[in-house]
Amino acid sequence: MIVVESKMIRWLARKLWGSILWLMRRPWIRRLQRASYGWLPEPARDRARLSLVRQNKFALRYGERMLVWLFSILSIWLLTLFSFVFVSDMISNGTFDLKHRS
């Protein structure tokens, strides 16, 4: 699949990714993550801790790329939507009606 990538999309993804990383490094988020282990039964706590570490590593490795891909798909969808609305409006206004042209 070909993904359209522009400087604007890259900039948006980097800004959002930076904000997400900033938020995830806040002390209250870290306290919430550590507290979530306490909600689990004792045998599952170690697995949950390892699972969270794996998720964080995956996010650090692929998160920004996934956001670029997401914003690219979103921009293609919006371009298609606006084109459809524009052409539909032109059709309803009679722009392509050949009977009225002389």
PDB file of N, CA and C in Angstrom:
ATOM      1  N   MET A   1       0.837  -1.179   0.000  1.00  0.00           N
ATOM      2  CA  MET A   1       0.000   0.000   0.000  1.00  0.00           C
ATOM      3  C   MET A   1       0.881   1.241   0.000  1.00  0.00           C
ATOM      4  N   ILE A   2       0.584   2.151  -0.885  1.00  0.00           N
ATOM      5  CA  ILE A   2       1.341   3.387  -0.986  1.00  0.00           C
ATOM      6  C   ILE A   2       0.740   4.404  -0.025  1.00  0.00           C
ATOM      7  N   VAL A   3       1.588   4.996   0.783  1.00  0.00           N
ATOM      8  CA  VAL A   3       1.123   5.983   1.753  1.00  0.00           C
ATOM      9  C   VAL A   3       1.659   7.344   1.342  1.00  0.00           C
ATOM     10  N   VAL A   4       0.764   8.313   1.270  1.00  0.00           N
ATOM     11  CA  VAL A   4       1.146   9.669   0.935  1.00  0.00           C
ATOM     12  C   VAL A   4       1.741  10.302   2.182  1.00  0.00           C
ATOM     13  N   GLU A   5       2.964  10.787   2.059  1.00  0.00           N
ATOM     14  CA  GLU A   5       3.605  11.393   3.216  1.00  0.00           C
ATOM     15  C   GLU A   5       4.082  12.783   2.826  1.00  0.00           C
ATOM     16  N   SER A   6       3.722  13.745   3.608  1.00  0.00           N
ATOM     17  CA  SER A   6       4.156  15.107   3.357  1.00  0.00           C
ATOM     18  C   SER A   6       4.795  15.663   4.617  1.00  0.00           C
ATOM     19  N   LYS A   7       5.364  16.847   4.484  1.00  0.00           N
ATOM     20  CA  LYS A   7       5.995  17.474   5.640  1.00  0.00           C
ATOM     21  C   LYS A   7       4.955  17.813   6.706  1.00  0.00           C
ATOM     22  N   MET A   8       3.769  18.222   6.273  1.00  0.00           N
ATOM     23  CA  MET A   8       2.720  18.560   7.229  1.00  0.00           C
ATOM     24  C   MET A   8       2.285  17.323   8.024  1.00  0.00           C
ATOM     25  N   ILE A   9       2.105  16.203   7.342  1.00  0.00           N
ATOM     26  CA  ILE A   9       1.707  14.965   8.011  1.00  0.00           C
ATOM     27  C   ILE A   9       2.797  14.525   8.979  1.00  0.00           C
ATOM     28  N   ARG A  10       4.039  14.588   8.543  1.00  0.00           N
ATOM     29  CA  ARG A  10       5.163  14.216   9.403  1.00  0.00           C
ATOM     30  C   ARG A  10       5.217  15.134  10.635  1.00  0.00           C
ATOM     31  N   TRP A  11       4.993  16.445  10.420  1.00  0.00           N
ATOM     32  CA  TRP A  11       5.018  17.408  11.522  1.00  0.00           C
ATOM     33  C   TRP A  11       3.905  17.122  12.528  1.00  0.00           C
ATOM     34  N   LEU A  12       2.680  16.883  12.019  1.00  0.00           N
ATOM     35  CA  LEU A  12       1.556  16.557  12.907  1.00  0.00           C
ATOM     36  C   LEU A  12       1.837  15.299  13.724  1.00  0.00           C
ATOM     37  N   ALA A  13       2.358  14.283  13.056  1.00  0.00           N
ATOM     38  CA  ALA A  13       2.644  13.022  13.746  1.00  0.00           C
ATOM     39  C   ALA A  13       3.715  13.224  14.814  1.00  0.00           C
ATOM     40  N   ARG A  14       4.752  13.988  14.489  1.00  0.00           N
ATOM     41  CA  ARG A  14       5.821  14.210  15.466  1.00  0.00           C
ATOM     42  C   ARG A  14       5.320  15.006  16.672  1.00  0.00           C
ATOM     43  N   LYS A  15       4.478  16.029  16.426  1.00  0.00           N
ATOM     44  CA  LYS A  15       3.939  16.825  17.531  1.00  0.00           C
ATOM     45  C   LYS A  15       3.035  15.973  18.423  1.00  0.00           C
ATOM     46  N   LEU A  16       2.159  15.190  17.818  1.00  0.00           N
ATOM     47  CA  LEU A  16       1.277  14.336  18.601  1.00  0.00           C
ATOM     48  C   LEU A  16       2.076  13.277  19.353  1.00  0.00           C
ATOM     49  N   TRP A  17       3.062  12.685  18.691  1.00  0.00           N
ATOM     50  CA  TRP A  17       3.879  11.659  19.321  1.00  0.00           C
ATOM     51  C   TRP A  17       4.667  12.240  20.495  1.00  0.00           C
ATOM     52  N   GLY A  18       5.205  13.436  20.320  1.00  0.00           N
ATOM     53  CA  GLY A  18       5.915  14.094  21.413  1.00  0.00           C
ATOM     54  C   GLY A  18       5.002  14.373  22.594  1.00  0.00           C
ATOM     55  N   SER A  19       3.771  14.775  22.308  1.00  0.00           N
ATOM     56  CA  SER A  19       2.806  15.030  23.380  1.00  0.00           C
ATOM     57  C   SER A  19       2.436  13.745  24.114  1.00  0.00           C
ATOM     58  N   ILE A  20       2.276  12.680  23.378  1.00  0.00           N
ATOM     59  CA  ILE A  20       1.956  11.394  23.996  1.00  0.00           C
ATOM     60  C   ILE A  20       3.103  10.932  24.888  1.00  0.00           C
ATOM     61  N   LEU A  21       4.330  11.047  24.379  1.00  0.00           N
ATOM     62  CA  LEU A  21       5.484  10.637  25.190  1.00  0.00           C
ATOM     63  C   LEU A  21       5.622  11.517  26.423  1.00  0.00           C
ATOM     64  N   TRP A  22       5.386  12.810  26.267  1.00  0.00           N
ATOM     65  CA  TRP A  22       5.450  13.718  27.419  1.00  0.00           C
ATOM     66  C   TRP A  22       4.415  13.304  28.468  1.00  0.00           C
ATOM     67  N   LEU A  23       3.205  13.010  28.003  1.00  0.00           N
ATOM     68  CA  LEU A  23       2.143  12.619  28.926  1.00  0.00           C
ATOM     69  C   LEU A  23       2.471  11.307  29.632  1.00  0.00           C
ATOM     70  N   MET A  24       3.023  10.352  28.905  1.00  0.00           N
ATOM     71  CA  MET A  24       3.321   9.053  29.504  1.00  0.00           C
ATOM     72  C   MET A  24       4.477   9.113  30.500  1.00  0.00           C
ATOM     73  N   ARG A  25       5.247  10.194  30.477  1.00  0.00           N
ATOM     74  CA  ARG A  25       6.357  10.338  31.430  1.00  0.00           C
ATOM     75  C   ARG A  25       5.973  11.135  32.664  1.00  0.00           C
ATOM     76  N   ARG A  26       4.737  11.565  32.741  1.00  0.00           N
ATOM     77  CA  ARG A  26       4.288  12.316  33.920  1.00  0.00           C
ATOM     78  C   ARG A  26       4.224  11.378  35.121  1.00  0.00           C
ATOM     79  N   PRO A  27       4.542  11.895  36.311  1.00  0.00           N
ATOM     80  CA  PRO A  27       4.542  11.037  37.507  1.00  0.00           C
ATOM     81  C   PRO A  27       3.192  10.400  37.808  1.00  0.00           C
ATOM     82  N   TRP A  28       2.103  11.095  37.571  1.00  0.00           N
ATOM     83  CA  TRP A  28       0.797  10.516  37.899  1.00  0.00           C
ATOM     84  C   TRP A  28       0.448   9.363  36.969  1.00  0.00           C
ATOM     85  N   ILE A  29       0.915   9.412  35.718  1.00  0.00           N
ATOM     86  CA  ILE A  29       0.689   8.273  34.809  1.00  0.00           C
ATOM     87  C   ILE A  29       1.519   7.080  35.279  1.00  0.00           C
ATOM     88  N   ARG A  30       2.741   7.331  35.679  1.00  0.00           N
ATOM     89  CA  ARG A  30       3.585   6.230  36.157  1.00  0.00           C
ATOM     90  C   ARG A  30       3.025   5.609  37.430  1.00  0.00           C
ATOM     91  N   ARG A  31       2.502   6.458  38.322  1.00  0.00           N
ATOM     92  CA  ARG A  31       1.866   5.925  39.538  1.00  0.00           C
ATOM     93  C   ARG A  31       0.646   5.082  39.176  1.00  0.00           C
ATOM     94  N   LEU A  32      -0.122   5.539  38.197  1.00  0.00           N
ATOM     95  CA  LEU A  32      -1.301   4.786  37.761  1.00  0.00           C
ATOM     96  C   LEU A  32      -0.898   3.434  37.174  1.00  0.00           C
ATOM     97  N   GLN A  33       0.175   3.406  36.391  1.00  0.00           N
ATOM     98  CA  GLN A  33       0.641   2.132  35.836  1.00  0.00           C
ATOM     99  C   GLN A  33       1.092   1.180  36.935  1.00  0.00           C
ATOM    100  N   ARG A  34       1.847   1.696  37.904  1.00  0.00           N
ATOM    101  CA  ARG A  34       2.293   0.833  39.005  1.00  0.00           C
ATOM    102  C   ARG A  34       1.111   0.362  39.846  1.00  0.00           C
ATOM    103  N   ALA A  35       0.123   1.223  40.036  1.00  0.00           N
ATOM    104  CA  ALA A  35      -1.051   0.834  40.825  1.00  0.00           C
ATOM    105  C   ALA A  35      -1.870  -0.229  40.100  1.00  0.00           C
ATOM    106  N   SER A  36      -1.825  -0.229  38.768  1.00  0.00           N
ATOM    107  CA  SER A  36      -2.618  -1.212  38.030  1.00  0.00           C
ATOM    108  C   SER A  36      -2.138  -2.637  38.297  1.00  0.00           C
ATOM    109  N   TYR A  37      -0.873  -2.802  38.643  1.00  0.00           N
ATOM    110  CA  TYR A  37      -0.385  -4.140  38.996  1.00  0.00           C
ATOM    111  C   TYR A  37      -1.061  -4.646  40.259  1.00  0.00           C
ATOM    112  N   GLY A  38      -1.348  -3.740  41.177  1.00  0.00           N
ATOM    113  CA  GLY A  38      -1.966  -4.131  42.440  1.00  0.00           C
ATOM    114  C   GLY A  38      -3.384  -4.642  42.279  1.00  0.00           C
ATOM    115  N   TRP A  39      -4.025  -4.322  41.184  1.00  0.00           N
ATOM    116  CA  TRP A  39      -5.395  -4.769  40.946  1.00  0.00           C
ATOM    117  C   TRP A  39      -5.445  -6.226  40.494  1.00  0.00           C
ATOM    118  N   LEU A  40      -4.302  -6.768  40.116  1.00  0.00           N
ATOM    119  CA  LEU A  40      -4.240  -8.136  39.596  1.00  0.00           C
ATOM    120  C   LEU A  40      -3.892  -9.115  40.711  1.00  0.00           C
ATOM    121  N   PRO A  41      -4.254 -10.386  40.529  1.00  0.00           N
ATOM    122  CA  PRO A  41      -3.821 -11.393  41.499  1.00  0.00           C
ATOM    123  C   PRO A  41      -2.294 -11.541  41.465  1.00  0.00           C
ATOM    124  N   GLU A  42      -1.746 -12.038  42.524  1.00  0.00           N
ATOM    125  CA  GLU A  42      -0.288 -12.124  42.689  1.00  0.00           C
ATOM    126  C   GLU A  42       0.430 -12.839  41.535  1.00  0.00           C
ATOM    127  N   PRO A  43      -0.054 -13.984  41.047  1.00  0.00           N
ATOM    128  CA  PRO A  43       0.700 -14.664  39.971  1.00  0.00           C
ATOM    129  C   PRO A  43       0.720 -13.880  38.649  1.00  0.00           C
ATOM    130  N   ALA A  44      -0.240 -13.034  38.434  1.00  0.00           N
ATOM    131  CA  ALA A  44      -0.328 -12.327  37.151  1.00  0.00           C
ATOM    132  C   ALA A  44       0.456 -11.018  37.141  1.00  0.00           C
ATOM    133  N   ARG A  45       0.959 -10.575  38.275  1.00  0.00           N
ATOM    134  CA  ARG A  45       1.622  -9.271  38.347  1.00  0.00           C
ATOM    135  C   ARG A  45       2.918  -9.219  37.544  1.00  0.00           C
ATOM    136  N   ASP A  46       3.715 -10.256  37.645  1.00  0.00           N
ATOM    137  CA  ASP A  46       4.976 -10.267  36.894  1.00  0.00           C
ATOM    138  C   ASP A  46       4.730 -10.289  35.391  1.00  0.00           C
ATOM    139  N   ARG A  47       3.751 -11.088  34.967  1.00  0.00           N
ATOM    140  CA  ARG A  47       3.419 -11.127  33.534  1.00  0.00           C
ATOM    141  C   ARG A  47       2.897  -9.782  33.053  1.00  0.00           C
ATOM    142  N   ALA A  48       2.098  -9.117  33.892  1.00  0.00           N
ATOM    143  CA  ALA A  48       1.555  -7.812  33.525  1.00  0.00           C
ATOM    144  C   ALA A  48       2.671  -6.784  33.401  1.00  0.00           C
ATOM    145  N   ARG A  49       3.629  -6.843  34.309  1.00  0.00           N
ATOM    146  CA  ARG A  49       4.761  -5.914  34.267  1.00  0.00           C
ATOM    147  C   ARG A  49       5.564  -6.125  32.982  1.00  0.00           C
ATOM    148  N   LEU A  50       5.840  -7.377  32.641  1.00  0.00           N
ATOM    149  CA  LEU A  50       6.577  -7.686  31.408  1.00  0.00           C
ATOM    150  C   LEU A  50       5.776  -7.293  30.175  1.00  0.00           C
ATOM    151  N   SER A  51       4.475  -7.492  30.227  1.00  0.00           N
ATOM    152  CA  SER A  51       3.621  -7.125  29.107  1.00  0.00           C
ATOM    153  C   SER A  51       3.642  -5.615  28.878  1.00  0.00           C
ATOM    154  N   LEU A  52       3.617  -4.861  29.948  1.00  0.00           N
ATOM    155  CA  LEU A  52       3.654  -3.405  29.820  1.00  0.00           C
ATOM    156  C   LEU A  52       4.990  -2.941  29.259  1.00  0.00           C
ATOM    157  N   VAL A  53       6.070  -3.574  29.677  1.00  0.00           N
ATOM    158  CA  VAL A  53       7.392  -3.236  29.142  1.00  0.00           C
ATOM    159  C   VAL A  53       7.445  -3.533  27.649  1.00  0.00           C
ATOM    160  N   ARG A  54       6.910  -4.680  27.236  1.00  0.00           N
ATOM    161  CA  ARG A  54       6.884  -5.030  25.807  1.00  0.00           C
ATOM    162  C   ARG A  54       6.041  -4.044  25.010  1.00  0.00           C
ATOM    163  N   GLN A  55       4.888  -3.659  25.561  1.00  0.00           N
ATOM    164  CA  GLN A  55       4.033  -2.683  24.879  1.00  0.00           C
ATOM    165  C   GLN A  55       4.739  -1.342  24.730  1.00  0.00           C
ATOM    166  N   ASN A  56       5.441  -0.911  25.763  1.00  0.00           N
ATOM    167  CA  ASN A  56       6.158   0.357  25.694  1.00  0.00           C
ATOM    168  C   ASN A  56       7.280   0.317  24.666  1.00  0.00           C
ATOM    169  N   LYS A  57       7.998  -0.805  24.608  1.00  0.00           N
ATOM    170  CA  LYS A  57       9.059  -0.945  23.600  1.00  0.00           C
ATOM    171  C   LYS A  57       8.479  -0.922  22.190  1.00  0.00           C
ATOM    172  N   PHE A  58       7.360  -1.623  21.995  1.00  0.00           N
ATOM    173  CA  PHE A  58       6.707  -1.621  20.686  1.00  0.00           C
ATOM    174  C   PHE A  58       6.263  -0.214  20.307  1.00  0.00           C
ATOM    175  N   ALA A  59       5.685   0.499  21.271  1.00  0.00           N
ATOM    176  CA  ALA A  59       5.203   1.853  21.003  1.00  0.00           C
ATOM    177  C   ALA A  59       6.351   2.792  20.664  1.00  0.00           C
ATOM    178  N   LEU A  60       7.455   2.681  21.377  1.00  0.00           N
ATOM    179  CA  LEU A  60       8.600   3.544  21.083  1.00  0.00           C
ATOM    180  C   LEU A  60       9.180   3.251  19.706  1.00  0.00           C
ATOM    181  N   ARG A  61       9.123   1.995  19.311  1.00  0.00           N
ATOM    182  CA  ARG A  61       9.709   1.617  18.026  1.00  0.00           C
ATOM    183  C   ARG A  61       8.815   1.982  16.843  1.00  0.00           C
ATOM    184  N   TYR A  62       7.523   1.744  16.948  1.00  0.00           N
ATOM    185  CA  TYR A  62       6.633   1.885  15.799  1.00  0.00           C
ATOM    186  C   TYR A  62       5.576   2.977  15.941  1.00  0.00           C
ATOM    187  N   GLY A  63       5.484   3.631  17.072  1.00  0.00           N
ATOM    188  CA  GLY A  63       4.398   4.580  17.319  1.00  0.00           C
ATOM    189  C   GLY A  63       4.340   5.734  16.345  1.00  0.00           C
ATOM    190  N   GLU A  64       5.477   6.381  16.117  1.00  0.00           N
ATOM    191  CA  GLU A  64       5.471   7.527  15.214  1.00  0.00           C
ATOM    192  C   GLU A  64       5.152   7.111  13.781  1.00  0.00           C
ATOM    193  N   ARG A  65       5.681   5.980  13.355  1.00  0.00           N
ATOM    194  CA  ARG A  65       5.377   5.485  12.007  1.00  0.00           C
ATOM    195  C   ARG A  65       3.895   5.186  11.846  1.00  0.00           C
ATOM    196  N   MET A  66       3.290   4.630  12.893  1.00  0.00           N
ATOM    197  CA  MET A  66       1.858   4.336  12.829  1.00  0.00           C
ATOM    198  C   MET A  66       1.041   5.627  12.760  1.00  0.00           C
ATOM    199  N   LEU A  67       1.470   6.662  13.470  1.00  0.00           N
ATOM    200  CA  LEU A  67       0.761   7.943  13.406  1.00  0.00           C
ATOM    201  C   LEU A  67       0.893   8.585  12.026  1.00  0.00           C
ATOM    202  N   VAL A  68       2.072   8.489  11.413  1.00  0.00           N
ATOM    203  CA  VAL A  68       2.246   9.022  10.059  1.00  0.00           C
ATOM    204  C   VAL A  68       1.315   8.290   9.100  1.00  0.00           C
ATOM    205  N   TRP A  69       1.245   6.976   9.227  1.00  0.00           N
ATOM    206  CA  TRP A  69       0.370   6.186   8.369  1.00  0.00           C
ATOM    207  C   TRP A  69      -1.086   6.576   8.599  1.00  0.00           C
ATOM    208  N   LEU A  70      -1.469   6.727   9.859  1.00  0.00           N
ATOM    209  CA  LEU A  70      -2.843   7.101  10.194  1.00  0.00           C
ATOM    210  C   LEU A  70      -3.206   8.468   9.635  1.00  0.00           C
ATOM    211  N   PHE A  71      -2.330   9.454   9.804  1.00  0.00           N
ATOM    212  CA  PHE A  71      -2.604  10.789   9.269  1.00  0.00           C
ATOM    213  C   PHE A  71      -2.623  10.782   7.744  1.00  0.00           C
ATOM    214  N   SER A  72      -1.820   9.932   7.120  1.00  0.00           N
ATOM    215  CA  SER A  72      -1.840   9.829   5.656  1.00  0.00           C
ATOM    216  C   SER A  72      -3.180   9.284   5.174  1.00  0.00           C
ATOM    217  N   ILE A  73      -3.650   8.227   5.802  1.00  0.00           N
ATOM    218  CA  ILE A  73      -4.939   7.647   5.443  1.00  0.00           C
ATOM    219  C   ILE A  73      -6.054   8.661   5.684  1.00  0.00           C
ATOM    220  N   LEU A  74      -5.982   9.368   6.798  1.00  0.00           N
ATOM    221  CA  LEU A  74      -6.981  10.388   7.119  1.00  0.00           C
ATOM    222  C   LEU A  74      -6.986  11.506   6.082  1.00  0.00           C
ATOM    223  N   SER A  75      -5.817  11.943   5.658  1.00  0.00           N
ATOM    224  CA  SER A  75      -5.766  13.020   4.655  1.00  0.00           C
ATOM    225  C   SER A  75      -6.290  12.547   3.303  1.00  0.00           C
ATOM    226  N   ILE A  76      -6.003  11.310   2.926  1.00  0.00           N
ATOM    227  CA  ILE A  76      -6.545  10.768   1.671  1.00  0.00           C
ATOM    228  C   ILE A  76      -8.065  10.689   1.754  1.00  0.00           C
ATOM    229  N   TRP A  77      -8.583  10.242   2.884  1.00  0.00           N
ATOM    230  CA  TRP A  77     -10.027  10.139   3.074  1.00  0.00           C
ATOM    231  C   TRP A  77     -10.683  11.514   3.006  1.00  0.00           C
ATOM    232  N   LEU A  78     -10.087  12.504   3.673  1.00  0.00           N
ATOM    233  CA  LEU A  78     -10.653  13.856   3.644  1.00  0.00           C
ATOM    234  C   LEU A  78     -10.616  14.447   2.243  1.00  0.00           C
ATOM    235  N   LEU A  79      -9.536  14.246   1.515  1.00  0.00           N
ATOM    236  CA  LEU A  79      -9.443  14.737   0.143  1.00  0.00           C
ATOM    237  C   LEU A  79     -10.520  14.104  -0.730  1.00  0.00           C
ATOM    238  N   THR A  80     -10.722  12.807  -0.584  1.00  0.00           N
ATOM    239  CA  THR A  80     -11.768  12.116  -1.340  1.00  0.00           C
ATOM    240  C   THR A  80     -13.151  12.637  -0.962  1.00  0.00           C
ATOM    241  N   LEU A  81     -13.396  12.827   0.325  1.00  0.00           N
ATOM    242  CA  LEU A  81     -14.684  13.326   0.790  1.00  0.00           C
ATOM    243  C   LEU A  81     -14.964  14.724   0.250  1.00  0.00           C
ATOM    244  N   PHE A  82     -14.001  15.632   0.369  1.00  0.00           N
ATOM    245  CA  PHE A  82     -14.208  16.996  -0.114  1.00  0.00           C
ATOM    246  C   PHE A  82     -14.381  17.036  -1.625  1.00  0.00           C
ATOM    247  N   SER A  83     -13.664  16.188  -2.347  1.00  0.00           N
ATOM    248  CA  SER A  83     -13.840  16.119  -3.806  1.00  0.00           C
ATOM    249  C   SER A  83     -15.245  15.650  -4.143  1.00  0.00           C
ATOM    250  N   PHE A  84     -15.726  14.646  -3.449  1.00  0.00           N
ATOM    251  CA  PHE A  84     -17.071  14.140  -3.695  1.00  0.00           C
ATOM    252  C   PHE A  84     -18.118  15.211  -3.407  1.00  0.00           C
ATOM    253  N   VAL A  85     -17.973  15.915  -2.281  1.00  0.00           N
ATOM    254  CA  VAL A  85     -18.924  16.969  -1.926  1.00  0.00           C
ATOM    255  C   VAL A  85     -18.876  18.090  -2.952  1.00  0.00           C
ATOM    256  N   PHE A  86     -17.694  18.477  -3.402  1.00  0.00           N
ATOM    257  CA  PHE A  86     -17.545  19.538  -4.392  1.00  0.00           C
ATOM    258  C   PHE A  86     -18.211  19.157  -5.714  1.00  0.00           C
ATOM    259  N   VAL A  87     -17.953  17.958  -6.187  1.00  0.00           N
ATOM    260  CA  VAL A  87     -18.553  17.516  -7.451  1.00  0.00           C
ATOM    261  C   VAL A  87     -20.060  17.353  -7.300  1.00  0.00           C
ATOM    262  N   SER A  88     -20.522  16.836  -6.171  1.00  0.00           N
ATOM    263  CA  SER A  88     -21.970  16.712  -5.937  1.00  0.00           C
ATOM    264  C   SER A  88     -22.648  18.072  -5.935  1.00  0.00           C
ATOM    265  N   ASP A  89     -22.004  19.056  -5.345  1.00  0.00           N
ATOM    266  CA  ASP A  89     -22.550  20.410  -5.333  1.00  0.00           C
ATOM    267  C   ASP A  89     -22.593  20.983  -6.741  1.00  0.00           C
ATOM    268  N   MET A  90     -21.572  20.747  -7.521  1.00  0.00           N
ATOM    269  CA  MET A  90     -21.563  21.233  -8.906  1.00  0.00           C
ATOM    270  C   MET A  90     -22.662  20.561  -9.727  1.00  0.00           C
ATOM    271  N   ILE A  91     -22.871  19.280  -9.516  1.00  0.00           N
ATOM    272  CA  ILE A  91     -23.928  18.570 -10.231  1.00  0.00           C
ATOM    273  C   ILE A  91     -25.292  19.112  -9.835  1.00  0.00           C
ATOM    274  N   SER A  92     -25.510  19.353  -8.535  1.00  0.00           N
ATOM    275  CA  SER A  92     -26.812  19.862  -8.092  1.00  0.00           C
ATOM    276  C   SER A  92     -27.054  21.288  -8.550  1.00  0.00           C
ATOM    277  N   ASN A  93     -25.993  22.055  -8.788  1.00  0.00           N
ATOM    278  CA  ASN A  93     -26.149  23.422  -9.302  1.00  0.00           C
ATOM    279  C   ASN A  93     -26.312  23.454 -10.816  1.00  0.00           C
ATOM    280  N   GLY A  94     -26.177  22.346 -11.459  1.00  0.00           N
ATOM    281  CA  GLY A  94     -26.368  22.280 -12.913  1.00  0.00           C
ATOM    282  C   GLY A  94     -25.143  22.622 -13.726  1.00  0.00           C
ATOM    283  N   THR A  95     -23.992  22.550 -13.145  1.00  0.00           N
ATOM    284  CA  THR A  95     -22.763  22.882 -13.868  1.00  0.00           C
ATOM    285  C   THR A  95     -22.520  21.930 -15.031  1.00  0.00           C
ATOM    286  N   PHE A  96     -22.831  20.691 -14.862  1.00  0.00           N
ATOM    287  CA  PHE A  96     -22.573  19.699 -15.905  1.00  0.00           C
ATOM    288  C   PHE A  96     -23.809  19.407 -16.764  1.00  0.00           C
ATOM    289  N   ASP A  97     -24.875  20.200 -16.589  1.00  0.00           N
ATOM    290  CA  ASP A  97     -26.101  19.992 -17.345  1.00  0.00           C
ATOM    291  C   ASP A  97     -25.932  20.615 -18.731  1.00  0.00           C
ATOM    292  N   LEU A  98     -25.985  19.780 -19.770  1.00  0.00           N
ATOM    293  CA  LEU A  98     -25.750  20.259 -21.124  1.00  0.00           C
ATOM    294  C   LEU A  98     -27.012  20.871 -21.751  1.00  0.00           C
ATOM    295  N   LYS A  99     -28.197  20.652 -21.207  1.00  0.00           N
ATOM    296  CA  LYS A  99     -29.446  21.169 -21.792  1.00  0.00           C
ATOM    297  C   LYS A  99     -29.522  22.686 -21.685  1.00  0.00           C
ATOM    298  N   HIS A 100     -28.989  23.250 -20.626  1.00  0.00           N
ATOM    299  CA  HIS A 100     -29.104  24.681 -20.407  1.00  0.00           C
ATOM    300  C   HIS A 100     -28.008  25.470 -21.109  1.00  0.00           C
ATOM    301  N   ARG A 101     -27.011  24.819 -21.624  1.00  0.00           N
ATOM    302  CA  ARG A 101     -25.928  25.520 -22.325  1.00  0.00           C
ATOM    303  C   ARG A 101     -26.317  25.694 -23.782  1.00  0.00           C
ATOM    304  N   SER A 102     -26.076  26.867 -24.273  1.00  0.00           N
ATOM    305  CA  SER A 102     -26.380  27.129 -25.691  1.00  0.00           C
ATOM    306  C   SER A 102     -25.204  27.724 -26.392  1.00  0.00           C
TER     307      SER A 102
END
